Amino acid sequence: MRHWIPAVLYDAKPWALAIAGAILLLGSLYVALSQGHWTVLLGLLCFAGAALLVGGGVLFQLRMDYRARSKWRREGRR
């Protein structure tokens, strides 16, 4: 059974992923540059941030494509 998610939270999910990813990515880059070396933890945080940022962008694009196709079908253009 699918759970109901409020529309505000559903629409905010890709943005939240992208913002969290950008914060992780930029934060880990800043710490690594200020320390002058990379650690395994900073590398993992940088990778996780990039993955979240890309994942949020992909999710946003998939939703835009789905909405465009749905609008196309609703208007009767196949």
Foldseek 3Di string as FASTA:
>chain_A
DDDDDDPVCVVCVLVVLQVQLVCQQVVLVVVCVVVVHDDPVSVVSNVSSVVSNVVSVVVVVVVVVVVVVVVCVVVPHD
